[in-house]
């Protein structure tokens, strides 16, 4: 039994609106978290690609330096 200062339909409407507000709030927070995680994953992927390219460039430079050193050695 629920005692309320308003009529039954008014109380039901009020509780329904509040429940919907709570649901909307949770959905918005979930969307915010999903967006933040997606952004973090994309940032991580970009960082990995950048570091892989740097490593590849450094490897190529090392290989060229080794070849030059081998050519210079009689």
N, C-alpha and C. Protein backbone atom coordinates (compact mmCIF):
# COMPACT_ATOMS: atom_id res chain seq x y z
N UNK A 1 0.85 -1.16 0.00
CA UNK A 1 0.00 0.00 0.00
C UNK A 1 0.90 1.23 0.00
N UNK A 2 0.54 2.19 -0.81
CA UNK A 2 1.33 3.41 -0.96
C UNK A 2 0.48 4.59 -0.52
N UNK A 3 0.99 5.35 0.43
CA UNK A 3 0.29 6.55 0.87
C UNK A 3 0.96 7.75 0.23
N UNK A 4 0.19 8.56 -0.45
CA UNK A 4 0.75 9.70 -1.15
C UNK A 4 -0.19 10.89 -1.03
N UNK A 5 0.38 12.11 -1.07
CA UNK A 5 -0.45 13.31 -0.94
C UNK A 5 -1.24 13.61 -2.22
N UNK A 6 -0.98 12.86 -3.29
CA UNK A 6 -1.69 13.09 -4.54
C UNK A 6 -2.57 11.89 -4.85
N UNK A 7 -3.41 12.04 -5.85
CA UNK A 7 -4.31 10.95 -6.23
C UNK A 7 -3.51 9.81 -6.84
N UNK A 8 -4.12 8.67 -6.96
CA UNK A 8 -3.47 7.49 -7.53
C UNK A 8 -2.90 7.75 -8.91
N UNK A 9 -3.70 8.23 -9.87
CA UNK A 9 -3.15 8.46 -11.21
C UNK A 9 -2.03 9.51 -11.22
N UNK A 10 -2.14 10.54 -10.38
CA UNK A 10 -1.06 11.54 -10.32
C UNK A 10 0.22 10.93 -9.78
N UNK A 11 0.10 10.11 -8.76
CA UNK A 11 1.26 9.46 -8.17
C UNK A 11 1.88 8.47 -9.15
N UNK A 12 1.05 7.71 -9.83
CA UNK A 12 1.55 6.76 -10.82
C UNK A 12 2.29 7.51 -11.94
N UNK A 13 1.71 8.60 -12.40
CA UNK A 13 2.35 9.41 -13.44
C UNK A 13 3.69 9.96 -12.98
N UNK A 14 3.71 10.46 -11.75
CA UNK A 14 4.94 11.01 -11.18
C UNK A 14 6.03 9.93 -11.10
N UNK A 15 5.65 8.77 -10.55
CA UNK A 15 6.62 7.68 -10.42
C UNK A 15 7.09 7.19 -11.79
N UNK A 16 6.19 7.15 -12.74
CA UNK A 16 6.54 6.73 -14.09
C UNK A 16 7.53 7.71 -14.72
N UNK A 17 7.28 9.00 -14.57
CA UNK A 17 8.20 10.01 -15.12
C UNK A 17 9.57 9.90 -14.47
N UNK A 18 9.59 9.73 -13.17
CA UNK A 18 10.87 9.60 -12.47
C UNK A 18 11.62 8.35 -12.90
N UNK A 19 10.91 7.26 -13.11
CA UNK A 19 11.55 6.03 -13.58
C UNK A 19 12.13 6.25 -14.97
N UNK A 20 11.39 6.92 -15.83
CA UNK A 20 11.89 7.22 -17.18
C UNK A 20 13.10 8.13 -17.13
N UNK A 21 13.07 9.11 -16.24
CA UNK A 21 14.23 10.00 -16.09
C UNK A 21 15.46 9.21 -15.67
N UNK A 22 15.25 8.28 -14.75
CA UNK A 22 16.36 7.43 -14.29
C UNK A 22 16.90 6.57 -15.41
N UNK A 23 15.99 6.01 -16.19
CA UNK A 23 16.40 5.19 -17.34
C UNK A 23 17.16 6.02 -18.35
N UNK A 24 16.66 7.20 -18.64
CA UNK A 24 17.34 8.09 -19.60
C UNK A 24 18.73 8.47 -19.10
N UNK A 25 18.83 8.73 -17.80
CA UNK A 25 20.11 9.09 -17.20
C UNK A 25 21.12 7.95 -17.37
N UNK A 26 20.68 6.74 -17.07
CA UNK A 26 21.58 5.58 -17.18
C UNK A 26 21.97 5.37 -18.64
N UNK A 27 21.02 5.47 -19.55
CA UNK A 27 21.34 5.31 -20.97
C UNK A 27 22.36 6.35 -21.42
N UNK A 28 22.21 7.57 -20.98
CA UNK A 28 23.15 8.63 -21.36
C UNK A 28 24.54 8.35 -20.81
N UNK A 29 24.62 7.88 -19.56
CA UNK A 29 25.92 7.56 -18.97
C UNK A 29 26.56 6.39 -19.72
N UNK A 30 25.77 5.40 -20.11
CA UNK A 30 26.31 4.27 -20.87
C UNK A 30 26.85 4.76 -22.21
N UNK A 31 26.09 5.63 -22.87
CA UNK A 31 26.56 6.19 -24.14
C UNK A 31 27.85 6.97 -23.95
N UNK A 32 27.93 7.75 -22.88
CA UNK A 32 29.14 8.52 -22.59
C UNK A 32 30.34 7.60 -22.39
N UNK A 33 30.14 6.53 -21.62
CA UNK A 33 31.23 5.59 -21.36
C UNK A 33 31.64 4.89 -22.65
N UNK A 34 30.64 4.48 -23.45
CA UNK A 34 30.95 3.81 -24.73
C UNK A 34 31.77 4.74 -25.62
N UNK A 35 31.38 6.00 -25.68
CA UNK A 35 32.13 6.96 -26.50
C UNK A 35 33.55 7.15 -25.98
N UNK A 36 33.69 7.24 -24.66
CA UNK A 36 35.01 7.42 -24.08
C UNK A 36 35.90 6.20 -24.35
N UNK A 37 35.33 5.01 -24.24
CA UNK A 37 36.11 3.79 -24.49
C UNK A 37 36.49 3.72 -25.97
N UNK A 38 35.55 4.04 -26.86
CA UNK A 38 35.83 4.03 -28.29
C UNK A 38 36.95 5.01 -28.62
N UNK A 39 36.88 6.21 -28.04
CA UNK A 39 37.94 7.20 -28.26
C UNK A 39 39.28 6.69 -27.75
N UNK A 40 39.28 6.07 -26.58
CA UNK A 40 40.53 5.56 -26.01
C UNK A 40 41.11 4.45 -26.87
N UNK A 41 40.26 3.57 -27.38
CA UNK A 41 40.73 2.49 -28.24
C UNK A 41 41.31 3.06 -29.53
N UNK A 42 40.62 4.01 -30.12
CA UNK A 42 41.12 4.62 -31.36
C UNK A 42 42.45 5.33 -31.11
N UNK A 43 42.55 6.03 -29.99
CA UNK A 43 43.81 6.70 -29.64
C UNK A 43 44.91 5.66 -29.48
N UNK A 44 44.62 4.57 -28.83
CA UNK A 44 45.61 3.50 -28.66
C UNK A 44 46.05 2.91 -29.98
N UNK A 45 45.09 2.69 -30.89
CA UNK A 45 45.43 2.15 -32.20
C UNK A 45 46.34 3.10 -32.96
N UNK A 46 46.01 4.40 -32.90
CA UNK A 46 46.86 5.39 -33.59
C UNK A 46 48.26 5.38 -33.00
N UNK A 47 48.36 5.29 -31.68
CA UNK A 47 49.67 5.29 -31.02
C UNK A 47 50.48 4.07 -31.43
N UNK A 48 49.83 2.92 -31.52
CA UNK A 48 50.53 1.70 -31.92
C UNK A 48 51.01 1.82 -33.36
N UNK A 49 50.14 2.32 -34.25
CA UNK A 49 50.55 2.49 -35.65
C UNK A 49 51.74 3.46 -35.75
N UNK A 50 51.69 4.54 -35.00
CA UNK A 50 52.77 5.53 -35.02
C UNK A 50 54.07 4.90 -34.53
N UNK A 51 54.01 4.16 -33.45
CA UNK A 51 55.22 3.54 -32.91
C UNK A 51 55.74 2.45 -33.85
N UNK A 52 54.84 1.72 -34.49
CA UNK A 52 55.26 0.69 -35.45
C UNK A 52 55.98 1.33 -36.62
N UNK A 53 55.46 2.45 -37.09
CA UNK A 53 56.11 3.16 -38.20
C UNK A 53 57.49 3.67 -37.77
N UNK A 54 57.58 4.21 -36.57
CA UNK A 54 58.88 4.67 -36.05
C UNK A 54 59.87 3.52 -35.95
N UNK A 55 59.40 2.40 -35.48
CA UNK A 55 60.26 1.23 -35.35
C UNK A 55 60.71 0.74 -36.73
N UNK A 56 59.78 0.73 -37.68
CA UNK A 56 60.12 0.31 -39.03
C UNK A 56 61.16 1.25 -39.64
N UNK A 57 60.97 2.55 -39.44
CA UNK A 57 61.92 3.55 -39.96
C UNK A 57 63.29 3.37 -39.31
N UNK A 58 63.29 3.16 -38.01
CA UNK A 58 64.57 2.96 -37.31
C UNK A 58 65.24 1.68 -37.79
N UNK A 59 64.47 0.63 -38.01
CA UNK A 59 65.04 -0.63 -38.52
C UNK A 59 65.64 -0.45 -39.89
N UNK A 60 64.93 0.28 -40.76
CA UNK A 60 65.45 0.55 -42.10
C UNK A 60 66.74 1.35 -42.03
N UNK A 61 66.77 2.36 -41.17
CA UNK A 61 67.98 3.18 -41.03
C UNK A 61 69.14 2.34 -40.50
N UNK A 62 68.84 1.46 -39.56
CA UNK A 62 69.89 0.58 -39.03
C UNK A 62 70.41 -0.36 -40.09
N UNK A 63 69.50 -0.90 -40.90
CA UNK A 63 69.91 -1.80 -41.97
C UNK A 63 70.80 -1.08 -42.99
N UNK A 64 70.43 0.15 -43.35
CA UNK A 64 71.23 0.93 -44.29
C UNK A 64 72.61 1.24 -43.70
N UNK A 65 72.63 1.60 -42.43
CA UNK A 65 73.91 1.89 -41.79
C UNK A 65 74.79 0.65 -41.75
N UNK A 66 74.19 -0.50 -41.50
CA UNK A 66 74.97 -1.75 -41.48
C UNK A 66 75.54 -2.05 -42.87
N UNK A 67 74.70 -1.87 -43.89
CA UNK A 67 75.17 -2.13 -45.26
C UNK A 67 76.31 -1.19 -45.64
N UNK A 68 76.19 0.09 -45.27
CA UNK A 68 77.27 1.05 -45.55
C UNK A 68 78.55 0.65 -44.85
N UNK A 69 78.39 0.22 -43.60
CA UNK A 69 79.57 -0.18 -42.83
C UNK A 69 80.20 -1.41 -43.46
N UNK A 70 79.40 -2.35 -43.95
CA UNK A 70 79.93 -3.55 -44.60
C UNK A 70 80.64 -3.20 -45.90
N UNK A 71 80.08 -2.24 -46.66
CA UNK A 71 80.69 -1.83 -47.92
C UNK A 71 82.01 -1.09 -47.66
N UNK A 72 82.07 -0.36 -46.59
CA UNK A 72 83.27 0.44 -46.28
C UNK A 72 84.39 -0.45 -45.73
N UNK A 73 84.06 -1.60 -45.22
CA UNK A 73 85.06 -2.49 -44.65
C UNK A 73 85.66 -3.35 -45.77
N UNK A 74 86.99 -3.31 -45.92
CA UNK A 74 87.61 -4.09 -47.00
C UNK A 74 87.66 -5.55 -46.71
